[in-house]
C-alpha atoms as a PDB file:
ATOM      1  CA  MET A   1     -29.122 -68.776  42.613  1.00  0.00           C
ATOM      2  CA  LEU A   2     -29.281 -70.899  39.428  1.00  0.00           C
ATOM      3  CA  LYS A   3     -31.880 -73.073  41.115  1.00  0.00           C
ATOM      4  CA  ASN A   4     -34.148 -70.053  41.717  1.00  0.00           C
ATOM      5  CA  LEU A   5     -33.617 -68.886  38.118  1.00  0.00           C
ATOM      6  CA  PHE A   6     -35.346 -71.926  36.621  1.00  0.00           C
ATOM      7  CA  ARG A   7     -38.045 -72.195  39.276  1.00  0.00           C
ATOM      8  CA  LYS A   8     -41.603 -72.029  37.894  1.00  0.00           C
ATOM      9  CA  THR A   9     -43.243 -68.654  38.398  1.00  0.00           C
ATOM     10  CA  LYS A  10     -46.321 -68.696  40.564  1.00  0.00           C
ATOM     11  CA  TYR A  11     -49.442 -67.201  39.050  1.00  0.00           C
ATOM     12  CA  ILE A  12     -53.211 -67.169  39.426  1.00  0.00           C
ATOM     13  CA  THR A  13     -55.907 -67.409  36.766  1.00  0.00           C
ATOM     14  CA  VAL A  14     -58.389 -64.548  36.594  1.00  0.00           C
ATOM     15  CA  SER A  15     -61.582 -65.241  34.664  1.00  0.00           C
ATOM     16  CA  GLN A  16     -62.983 -62.791  32.152  1.00  0.00           C
ATOM     17  CA  LYS A  17     -66.083 -62.488  34.296  1.00  0.00           C
ATOM     18  CA  ASN A  18     -64.019 -61.345  37.279  1.00  0.00           C
ATOM     19  CA  ILE A  19     -62.244 -58.770  35.115  1.00  0.00           C
ATOM     20  CA  GLU A  20     -65.554 -57.370  33.851  1.00  0.00           C
ATOM     21  CA  ASN A  21     -66.940 -57.225  37.403  1.00  0.00           C
ATOM     22  CA  TYR A  22     -63.833 -55.380  38.600  1.00  0.00           C
ATOM     23  CA  LYS A  23     -64.076 -52.857  35.757  1.00  0.00           C
ATOM     24  CA  ARG A  24     -67.760 -52.312  36.398  1.00  0.00           C
ATOM     25  CA  GLU A  25     -67.232 -51.759  40.134  1.00  0.00           C
ATOM     26  CA  ASN A  26     -64.179 -49.494  39.794  1.00  0.00           C
ATOM     27  CA  THR A  27     -64.912 -47.503  36.622  1.00  0.00           C
ATOM     28  CA  PRO A  28     -66.455 -44.074  37.347  1.00  0.00           C
ATOM     29  CA  THR A  29     -69.922 -43.792  35.863  1.00  0.00           C
ATOM     30  CA  ILE A  30     -71.382 -40.711  34.197  1.00  0.00           C
ATOM     31  CA  PRO A  31     -75.175 -40.420  34.476  1.00  0.00           C
ATOM     32  CA  ASP A  32     -77.067 -40.310  31.185  1.00  0.00           C
ATOM     33  CA  GLY A  33     -77.935 -36.808  30.011  1.00  0.00           C
ATOM     34  CA  MET A  34     -75.219 -35.053  32.022  1.00  0.00           C
ATOM     35  CA  TRP A  35     -73.278 -33.953  28.941  1.00  0.00           C
ATOM     36  CA  VAL A  36     -74.572 -32.810  25.545  1.00  0.00           C
ATOM     37  CA  LYS A  37     -72.701 -32.300  22.289  1.00  0.00           C
ATOM     38  CA  CYS A  38     -73.453 -29.091  20.396  1.00  0.00           C
ATOM     39  CA  ASN A  39     -74.585 -30.043  16.895  1.00  0.00           C
ATOM     40  CA  LYS A  40     -73.094 -26.849  15.454  1.00  0.00           C
ATOM     41  CA  CYS A  41     -69.619 -26.375  16.973  1.00  0.00           C
ATOM     42  CA  GLY A  42     -69.157 -29.907  18.374  1.00  0.00           C
ATOM     43  CA  GLU A  43     -68.343 -28.706  21.889  1.00  0.00           C
ATOM     44  CA  ILE A  44     -69.292 -30.960  24.819  1.00  0.00           C
ATOM     45  CA  LEU A  45     -71.567 -29.006  27.164  1.00  0.00           C
ATOM     46  CA  TYR A  46     -72.712 -29.619  30.729  1.00  0.00           C
ATOM     47  CA  GLN A  47     -76.480 -30.124  30.679  1.00  0.00           C
ATOM     48  CA  ASN A  48     -77.170 -28.034  33.794  1.00  0.00           C
ATOM     49  CA  ASP A  49     -75.194 -25.082  32.401  1.00  0.00           C
ATOM     50  CA  LEU A  50     -76.998 -25.447  29.085  1.00  0.00           C
ATOM     51  CA  GLU A  51     -80.415 -25.300  30.765  1.00  0.00           C
ATOM     52  CA  LYS A  52     -79.417 -22.228  32.757  1.00  0.00           C
ATOM     53  CA  ASN A  53     -78.432 -20.607  29.453  1.00  0.00           C
ATOM     54  CA  TYR A  54     -81.882 -21.214  27.878  1.00  0.00           C
ATOM     55  CA  MET A  55     -80.582 -24.264  25.972  1.00  0.00           C
ATOM     56  CA  VAL A  56     -78.198 -22.080  23.965  1.00  0.00           C
ATOM     57  CA  CYS A  57     -74.543 -23.028  23.420  1.00  0.00           C
ATOM     58  CA  ASN A  58     -72.393 -20.475  25.255  1.00  0.00           C
ATOM     59  CA  LEU A  59     -69.578 -20.873  22.700  1.00  0.00           C
ATOM     60  CA  CYS A  60     -71.251 -20.619  19.276  1.00  0.00           C
ATOM     61  CA  GLY A  61     -74.748 -19.361  20.199  1.00  0.00           C
ATOM     62  CA  ASN A  62     -76.472 -22.406  18.721  1.00  0.00           C
ATOM     63  CA  HIS A  63     -80.118 -22.545  19.834  1.00  0.00           C
ATOM     64  CA  PHE A  64     -81.002 -26.144  20.669  1.00  0.00           C
ATOM     65  CA  ARG A  65     -84.528 -27.235  19.817  1.00  0.00           C
ATOM     66  CA  ILE A  66     -86.694 -27.152  22.923  1.00  0.00           C
ATOM     67  CA  GLY A  67     -90.145 -28.477  23.769  1.00  0.00           C
ATOM     68  CA  VAL A  68     -93.311 -27.211  25.395  1.00  0.00           C
ATOM     69  CA  LYS A  69     -92.141 -27.535  29.009  1.00  0.00           C
ATOM     70  CA  GLU A  70     -89.017 -25.474  28.385  1.00  0.00           C
ATOM     71  CA  ARG A  71     -90.978 -22.817  26.501  1.00  0.00           C
ATOM     72  CA  ILE A  72     -93.439 -22.438  29.355  1.00  0.00           C
ATOM     73  CA  LYS A  73     -90.610 -22.292  31.894  1.00  0.00           C
ATOM     74  CA  TYR A  74     -88.672 -19.614  30.007  1.00  0.00           C
ATOM     75  CA  LEU A  75     -91.687 -17.550  28.899  1.00  0.00           C
ATOM     76  CA  PHE A  76     -94.378 -17.294  31.562  1.00  0.00           C
ATOM     77  CA  ASP A  77     -94.571 -15.905  35.057  1.00  0.00           C
ATOM     78  CA  LYS A  78     -94.270 -18.833  37.478  1.00  0.00           C
ATOM     79  CA  ASP A  79     -97.388 -21.030  37.842  1.00  0.00           C
ATOM     80  CA  THR A  80     -99.565 -18.825  35.601  1.00  0.00           C
ATOM     81  CA  PHE A  81     -99.905 -21.065  32.537  1.00  0.00           C
ATOM     82  CA  LYS A  82    -103.172 -22.977  32.221  1.00  0.00           C
ATOM     83  CA  GLU A  83    -103.466 -25.514  29.394  1.00  0.00           C
ATOM     84  CA  TRP A  84    -106.588 -25.752  27.239  1.00  0.00           C
ATOM     85  CA  ASP A  85    -108.152 -28.564  25.194  1.00  0.00           C
ATOM     86  CA  TYR A  86    -105.650 -31.255  26.174  1.00  0.00           C
ATOM     87  CA  LYS A  87    -108.382 -33.911  26.084  1.00  0.00           C
ATOM     88  CA  ILE A  88    -109.088 -33.605  22.349  1.00  0.00           C
ATOM     89  CA  LYS A  89    -108.312 -37.023  20.902  1.00  0.00           C
ATOM     90  CA  THR A  90    -106.481 -37.593  17.625  1.00  0.00           C
ATOM     91  CA  GLU A  91    -108.535 -39.705  15.217  1.00  0.00           C
ATOM     92  CA  ASN A  92    -107.621 -41.653  12.093  1.00  0.00           C
ATOM     93  CA  PRO A  93    -110.168 -40.308   9.566  1.00  0.00           C
ATOM     94  CA  LEU A  94    -108.585 -42.024   6.541  1.00  0.00           C
ATOM     95  CA  ASP A  95    -107.883 -45.341   8.297  1.00  0.00           C
ATOM     96  CA  PHE A  96    -104.227 -44.831   7.481  1.00  0.00           C
ATOM     97  CA  LYS A  97    -102.378 -48.074   8.255  1.00  0.00           C
ATOM     98  CA  GLY A  98    -100.283 -47.897  11.418  1.00  0.00           C
ATOM     99  CA  TYR A  99    -101.290 -44.305  12.242  1.00  0.00           C
ATOM    100  CA  ASP A 100    -103.160 -45.162  15.479  1.00  0.00           C
ATOM    101  CA  GLU A 101    -100.221 -47.207  16.780  1.00  0.00           C
ATOM    102  CA  LYS A 102     -97.739 -44.472  15.853  1.00  0.00           C
ATOM    103  CA  ILE A 103     -99.752 -41.805  17.654  1.00  0.00           C
ATOM    104  CA  GLU A 104     -99.982 -43.904  20.827  1.00  0.00           C
ATOM    105  CA  HIS A 105     -96.255 -44.665  20.717  1.00  0.00           C
ATOM    106  CA  ILE A 106     -95.318 -40.990  20.343  1.00  0.00           C
ATOM    107  CA  LYS A 107     -97.731 -39.976  23.120  1.00  0.00           C
ATOM    108  CA  GLU A 108     -96.039 -42.416  25.463  1.00  0.00           C
ATOM    109  CA  LYS A 109     -92.541 -41.390  24.358  1.00  0.00           C
ATOM    110  CA  THR A 110     -93.025 -37.605  24.545  1.00  0.00           C
ATOM    111  CA  ASN A 111     -95.723 -37.350  27.242  1.00  0.00           C
ATOM    112  CA  LEU A 112     -97.578 -34.987  24.910  1.00  0.00           C
ATOM    113  CA  SER A 113    -101.172 -35.321  23.689  1.00  0.00           C
ATOM    114  CA  GLU A 114    -100.476 -33.669  20.315  1.00  0.00           C
ATOM    115  CA  ALA A 115     -97.973 -31.520  18.376  1.00  0.00           C
ATOM    116  CA  VAL A 116     -99.333 -28.277  19.840  1.00  0.00           C
ATOM    117  CA  THR A 117    -100.100 -27.130  23.375  1.00  0.00           C
ATOM    118  CA  THR A 118    -102.474 -24.199  23.837  1.00  0.00           C
ATOM    119  CA  GLY A 119    -103.481 -22.162  26.842  1.00  0.00           C
ATOM    120  CA  LYS A 120    -103.386 -18.895  28.746  1.00  0.00           C
ATOM    121  CA  GLY A 121    -100.700 -17.429  30.949  1.00  0.00           C
ATOM    122  CA  LYS A 122     -99.012 -14.227  32.120  1.00  0.00           C
ATOM    123  CA  ILE A 123     -95.871 -12.550  30.805  1.00  0.00           C
ATOM    124  CA  ALA A 124     -94.652  -9.818  33.163  1.00  0.00           C
ATOM    125  CA  GLY A 125     -98.140  -9.778  34.699  1.00  0.00           C
ATOM    126  CA  MET A 126     -99.957  -9.410  31.337  1.00  0.00           C
ATOM    127  CA  GLU A 127    -102.328 -12.158  30.190  1.00  0.00           C
ATOM    128  CA  VAL A 128    -101.798 -13.729  26.762  1.00  0.00           C
ATOM    129  CA  VAL A 129    -103.085 -16.711  24.802  1.00  0.00           C
ATOM    130  CA  VAL A 130    -100.309 -18.937  23.507  1.00  0.00           C
ATOM    131  CA  CYS A 131     -99.950 -21.893  21.155  1.00  0.00           C
ATOM    132  CA  ILE A 132     -96.649 -23.805  21.352  1.00  0.00           C
ATOM    133  CA  MET A 133     -95.758 -26.379  18.693  1.00  0.00           C
ATOM    134  CA  ASP A 134     -93.336 -29.184  19.571  1.00  0.00           C
ATOM    135  CA  SER A 135     -91.286 -30.875  16.851  1.00  0.00           C
ATOM    136  CA  LYS A 136     -90.776 -33.998  19.008  1.00  0.00           C
ATOM    137  CA  PHE A 137     -94.387 -34.993  18.260  1.00  0.00           C
ATOM    138  CA  MET A 138     -94.381 -36.243  14.652  1.00  0.00           C
ATOM    139  CA  MET A 139     -92.064 -33.379  13.666  1.00  0.00           C
ATOM    140  CA  GLY A 140     -94.728 -30.876  14.735  1.00  0.00           C
ATOM    141  CA  SER A 141     -96.891 -31.872  11.786  1.00  0.00           C
ATOM    142  CA  MET A 142    -100.271 -30.166  11.509  1.00  0.00           C
ATOM    143  CA  GLY A 143    -103.227 -32.506  11.612  1.00  0.00           C
ATOM    144  CA  SER A 144    -106.894 -31.976  12.438  1.00  0.00           C
ATOM    145  CA  VAL A 145    -106.341 -31.724  16.180  1.00  0.00           C
ATOM    146  CA  VAL A 146    -103.492 -29.226  15.816  1.00  0.00           C
ATOM    147  CA  GLY A 147    -105.648 -26.997  13.615  1.00  0.00           C
ATOM    148  CA  GLU A 148    -108.643 -27.352  15.940  1.00  0.00           C
ATOM    149  CA  LYS A 149    -106.671 -26.509  19.089  1.00  0.00           C
ATOM    150  CA  ILE A 150    -105.075 -23.423  17.536  1.00  0.00           C
ATOM    151  CA  THR A 151    -108.421 -22.254  16.130  1.00  0.00           C
ATOM    152  CA  ARG A 152    -110.149 -22.680  19.490  1.00  0.00           C
ATOM    153  CA  ALA A 153    -107.329 -20.784  21.216  1.00  0.00           C
ATOM    154  CA  ILE A 154    -107.743 -17.858  18.798  1.00  0.00           C
ATOM    155  CA  GLU A 155    -111.520 -17.824  19.273  1.00  0.00           C
ATOM    156  CA  ARG A 156    -111.093 -17.748  23.048  1.00  0.00           C
ATOM    157  CA  ALA A 157    -108.596 -14.903  22.698  1.00  0.00           C
ATOM    158  CA  ILE A 158    -111.283 -12.936  20.846  1.00  0.00           C
ATOM    159  CA  GLU A 159    -113.775 -13.620  23.646  1.00  0.00           C
ATOM    160  CA  LEU A 160    -111.270 -12.656  26.338  1.00  0.00           C
ATOM    161  CA  ARG A 161    -109.842  -9.712  24.350  1.00  0.00           C
ATOM    162  CA  LEU A 162    -106.298 -11.038  24.683  1.00  0.00           C
ATOM    163  CA  PRO A 163    -103.270 -11.039  22.356  1.00  0.00           C
ATOM    164  CA  VAL A 164    -102.149 -14.309  20.736  1.00  0.00           C
ATOM    165  CA  ILE A 165     -98.606 -15.668  20.512  1.00  0.00           C
ATOM    166  CA  ILE A 166     -97.872 -18.744  18.385  1.00  0.00           C
ATOM    167  CA  PHE A 167     -94.518 -20.544  18.518  1.00  0.00           C
ATOM    168  CA  THR A 168     -94.122 -22.484  15.289  1.00  0.00           C
ATOM    169  CA  ALA A 169     -92.021 -25.652  14.966  1.00  0.00           C
ATOM    170  CA  SER A 170     -93.281 -27.926  12.215  1.00  0.00           C
ATOM    171  CA  GLY A 171     -92.431 -30.039   9.219  1.00  0.00           C
ATOM    172  CA  GLY A 172     -95.758 -29.105   7.606  1.00  0.00           C
ATOM    173  CA  ALA A 173     -99.082 -30.852   7.052  1.00  0.00           C
ATOM    174  CA  ARG A 174     -99.556 -34.401   8.393  1.00  0.00           C
ATOM    175  CA  MET A 175     -99.665 -36.773   5.444  1.00  0.00           C
ATOM    176  CA  GLN A 176    -101.612 -39.451   7.358  1.00  0.00           C
ATOM    177  CA  GLU A 177    -104.648 -37.152   7.392  1.00  0.00           C
ATOM    178  CA  GLY A 178    -104.505 -36.067   3.751  1.00  0.00           C
ATOM    179  CA  ILE A 179    -106.792 -33.229   2.667  1.00  0.00           C
ATOM    180  CA  LEU A 180    -108.150 -32.844   6.210  1.00  0.00           C
ATOM    181  CA  SER A 181    -104.676 -31.827   7.280  1.00  0.00           C
ATOM    182  CA  LEU A 182    -104.318 -29.293   4.449  1.00  0.00           C
ATOM    183  CA  MET A 183    -107.715 -27.851   5.352  1.00  0.00           C
ATOM    184  CA  GLN A 184    -106.292 -26.679   8.709  1.00  0.00           C
ATOM    185  CA  MET A 185    -104.225 -24.042   6.895  1.00  0.00           C
ATOM    186  CA  ALA A 186    -107.372 -22.213   5.773  1.00  0.00           C
ATOM    187  CA  LYS A 187    -109.168 -22.881   9.061  1.00  0.00           C
ATOM    188  CA  VAL A 188    -106.487 -21.283  11.254  1.00  0.00           C
ATOM    189  CA  SER A 189    -105.925 -18.432   8.784  1.00  0.00           C
ATOM    190  CA  SER A 190    -109.669 -17.665   8.842  1.00  0.00           C
ATOM    191  CA  ALA A 191    -109.655 -17.515  12.647  1.00  0.00           C
ATOM    192  CA  LEU A 192    -106.671 -15.139  12.541  1.00  0.00           C
ATOM    193  CA  ALA A 193    -108.539 -12.893  10.097  1.00  0.00           C
ATOM    194  CA  LYS A 194    -111.314 -12.551  12.715  1.00  0.00           C
ATOM    195  CA  LEU A 195    -108.710 -11.773  15.366  1.00  0.00           C
ATOM    196  CA  ASP A 196    -107.364  -9.022  13.114  1.00  0.00           C
ATOM    197  CA  GLU A 197    -110.861  -7.599  12.561  1.00  0.00           C
ATOM    198  CA  GLU A 198    -111.201  -7.321  16.342  1.00  0.00           C
ATOM    199  CA  GLY A 199    -107.992  -5.288  16.510  1.00  0.00           C
ATOM    200  CA  LEU A 200    -106.192  -7.866  18.654  1.00  0.00           C
ATOM    201  CA  LEU A 201    -102.451  -8.478  18.476  1.00  0.00           C
ATOM    202  CA  TYR A 202    -100.978 -11.633  16.910  1.00  0.00           C
ATOM    203  CA  ILE A 203     -97.274 -12.290  17.360  1.00  0.00           C
ATOM    204  CA  CYS A 204     -95.679 -15.280  15.640  1.00  0.00           C
ATOM    205  CA  VAL A 205     -92.333 -16.612  16.845  1.00  0.00           C
ATOM    206  CA  LEU A 206     -90.638 -18.802  14.217  1.00  0.00           C
ATOM    207  CA  THR A 207     -88.387 -21.500  15.654  1.00  0.00           C
ATOM    208  CA  ASP A 208     -86.307 -24.249  14.108  1.00  0.00           C
ATOM    209  CA  PRO A 209     -87.788 -25.793  11.987  1.00  0.00           C
ATOM    210  CA  THR A 210     -90.789 -23.968  10.512  1.00  0.00           C
ATOM    211  CA  THR A 211     -91.605 -25.439   7.091  1.00  0.00           C
ATOM    212  CA  GLY A 212     -94.328 -26.647   4.753  1.00  0.00           C
ATOM    213  CA  GLY A 213     -97.997 -25.784   5.255  1.00  0.00           C
ATOM    214  CA  VAL A 214     -97.393 -24.005   8.564  1.00  0.00           C
ATOM    215  CA  THR A 215     -95.072 -21.523   6.824  1.00  0.00           C
ATOM    216  CA  ALA A 216     -97.574 -21.163   3.984  1.00  0.00           C
ATOM    217  CA  SER A 217    -100.363 -20.197   6.385  1.00  0.00           C
ATOM    218  CA  PHE A 218    -100.412 -18.832   9.932  1.00  0.00           C
ATOM    219  CA  ALA A 219     -96.624 -18.586  10.447  1.00  0.00           C
ATOM    220  CA  MET A 220     -96.438 -15.629   8.047  1.00  0.00           C
ATOM    221  CA  LEU A 221     -99.639 -13.869   9.113  1.00  0.00           C
ATOM    222  CA  GLY A 222     -98.387 -12.280  12.324  1.00  0.00           C
ATOM    223  CA  ASP A 223     -98.773  -8.554  12.991  1.00  0.00           C
ATOM    224  CA  ILE A 224     -95.224  -8.947  14.277  1.00  0.00           C
ATOM    225  CA  ILE A 225     -93.064 -11.873  13.163  1.00  0.00           C
ATOM    226  CA  LEU A 226     -90.082 -12.776  15.326  1.00  0.00           C
ATOM    227  CA  ALA A 227     -87.598 -15.609  14.859  1.00  0.00           C
ATOM    228  CA  GLU A 228     -84.887 -17.339  16.833  1.00  0.00           C
ATOM    229  CA  PRO A 229     -81.320 -17.127  15.443  1.00  0.00           C
ATOM    230  CA  ASP A 230     -80.386 -19.524  12.602  1.00  0.00           C
ATOM    231  CA  ALA A 231     -83.858 -21.117  12.531  1.00  0.00           C
ATOM    232  CA  LEU A 232     -84.785 -23.086   9.406  1.00  0.00           C
ATOM    233  CA  ILE A 233     -87.807 -21.349   7.844  1.00  0.00           C
ATOM    234  CA  GLY A 234     -89.215 -22.207   4.428  1.00  0.00           C
ATOM    235  CA  PHE A 235     -91.827 -24.038   2.406  1.00  0.00           C
ATOM    236  CA  ALA A 236     -90.198 -26.619   0.117  1.00  0.00           C
ATOM    237  CA  GLY A 237     -86.761 -28.040   0.852  1.00  0.00           C
ATOM    238  CA  LYS A 238     -83.644 -26.304  -0.407  1.00  0.00           C
ATOM    239  CA  ARG A 239     -82.546 -29.194  -2.635  1.00  0.00           C
ATOM    240  CA  VAL A 240     -86.015 -29.486  -4.183  1.00  0.00           C
ATOM    241  CA  ILE A 241     -85.936 -25.791  -5.118  1.00  0.00           C
ATOM    242  CA  GLU A 242     -82.401 -26.052  -6.533  1.00  0.00           C
ATOM    243  CA  GLN A 243     -83.410 -29.012  -8.701  1.00  0.00           C
ATOM    244  CA  THR A 244     -86.539 -27.197  -9.884  1.00  0.00           C
ATOM    245  CA  ILE A 245     -84.890 -23.900 -10.860  1.00  0.00           C
ATOM    246  CA  ASN A 246     -81.549 -25.509 -11.748  1.00  0.00           C
ATOM    247  CA  GLU A 247     -79.594 -22.974  -9.703  1.00  0.00           C
ATOM    248  CA  LYS A 248     -77.412 -23.086  -6.616  1.00  0.00           C
ATOM    249  CA  LEU A 249     -78.968 -21.228  -3.679  1.00  0.00           C
ATOM    250  CA  PRO A 250     -77.051 -19.232  -1.029  1.00  0.00           C
ATOM    251  CA  GLU A 251     -75.629 -21.140   1.946  1.00  0.00           C
ATOM    252  CA  ASP A 252     -77.853 -19.280   4.429  1.00  0.00           C
ATOM    253  CA  PHE A 253     -80.995 -19.650   2.291  1.00  0.00           C
ATOM    254  CA  GLN A 254     -84.116 -20.352   4.411  1.00  0.00           C
ATOM    255  CA  ARG A 255     -82.397 -19.281   7.613  1.00  0.00           C
ATOM    256  CA  SER A 256     -83.874 -16.561   9.824  1.00  0.00           C
ATOM    257  CA  GLU A 257     -81.011 -14.154   9.033  1.00  0.00           C
ATOM    258  CA  PHE A 258     -81.699 -14.510   5.290  1.00  0.00           C
ATOM    259  CA  LEU A 259     -85.425 -13.889   5.825  1.00  0.00           C
ATOM    260  CA  LEU A 260     -84.746 -10.792   7.925  1.00  0.00           C
ATOM    261  CA  GLU A 261     -82.446  -9.396   5.239  1.00  0.00           C
ATOM    262  CA  HIS A 262     -85.167  -9.891   2.608  1.00  0.00           C
ATOM    263  CA  GLY A 263     -88.029  -8.447   4.671  1.00  0.00           C
ATOM    264  CA  PHE A 264     -89.960 -11.609   5.555  1.00  0.00           C
ATOM    265  CA  ILE A 265     -89.630 -11.225   9.317  1.00  0.00           C
ATOM    266  CA  ASP A 266     -89.408  -8.222  11.664  1.00  0.00           C
ATOM    267  CA  LYS A 267     -86.719  -9.180  14.150  1.00  0.00           C
ATOM    268  CA  ILE A 268     -84.396 -11.984  15.246  1.00  0.00           C
ATOM    269  CA  VAL A 269     -84.501 -12.388  19.009  1.00  0.00           C
ATOM    270  CA  PRO A 270     -82.113 -14.594  21.032  1.00  0.00           C
ATOM    271  CA  ARG A 271     -83.997 -16.905  23.379  1.00  0.00           C
ATOM    272  CA  SER A 272     -82.606 -15.192  26.473  1.00  0.00           C
ATOM    273  CA  ASP A 273     -84.207 -11.896  25.377  1.00  0.00           C
ATOM    274  CA  LEU A 274     -87.497 -13.293  24.097  1.00  0.00           C
ATOM    275  CA  ARG A 275     -89.596 -12.886  27.252  1.00  0.00           C
ATOM    276  CA  LYS A 276     -88.431  -9.289  27.656  1.00  0.00           C
ATOM    277  CA  VAL A 277     -89.127  -8.418  24.015  1.00  0.00           C
ATOM    278  CA  LEU A 278     -92.581 -10.040  24.037  1.00  0.00           C
ATOM    279  CA  ALA A 279     -93.495  -8.228  27.270  1.00  0.00           C
ATOM    280  CA  LYS A 280     -92.480  -4.914  25.713  1.00  0.00           C
ATOM    281  CA  LEU A 281     -94.513  -5.536  22.544  1.00  0.00           C
ATOM    282  CA  ILE A 282     -97.614  -6.611  24.476  1.00  0.00           C
ATOM    283  CA  ASN A 283     -97.353  -3.597  26.773  1.00  0.00           C
ATOM    284  CA  MET A 284     -96.971  -1.210  23.821  1.00  0.00           C
ATOM    285  CA  HIS A 285    -100.048  -2.696  22.151  1.00  0.00           C
ATOM    286  CA  GLN A 286    -102.171  -2.506  25.317  1.00  0.00           C
ATOM    287  CA  ASN A 287    -101.217   1.121  25.894  1.00  0.00           C
ATOM    288  CA  SER A 288    -102.158   2.083  22.324  1.00  0.00           C
ATOM    289  CA  PHE A 289    -105.864   1.481  23.000  1.00  0.00           C
END
């Protein structure tokens, strides 16, 4: 018994590489993109459930930012959307250093040609012209191509006698294009004035974020202005305004609820109800003529 007590214990050496291989082979893997954290309440959400719920958190109601593909999917009758002017190429009129490379990189990353997608489709069987801005493309900034595509869409709507819906999501004018970018504010606003003269409906849907030159122009010119819940809507940033006027602004300042309370927008519509509300508004307008 004492002999066995002092006998050397047998052991084997396991290399770190073998340990790592074992962990890799036996640790359950979770595919990328399966779970998403809500940036408002912090809850971990299952991606498939989130998509079924229109990319809205089912606990706190937070509306996640969505892109063009999701908008088309949630808005239009199946297979009715036809894109226009996707071949218009973004130029670098001021020879801004690095702008060409940045545009190409973002095109490859987002699979978008520009910050706005325009076209025609059907909502509940009714044809409409739509412009959808996407904040993933240079924060939805408005450059020459964005202004041109929206203007062309409005002009076609006049020719086709169709209502126009614009979904805004933008950080404002694109600084790399300077004054040419700012000029798009007047250009789009002028086209909308012609649409109004023709008695055609323009509905603007403000989504998070809608700021800068877009807010100062066509975002606030709608015959009917809708907004998604808790969307950031404003011109200058909140801190800039506070520093300028030397006053503390309300917590909900520049949010869609604040704008509704002060008469800047007509209605806040949850994403799940948006298609139904738009269909009702378009139908009412068509029946009034």
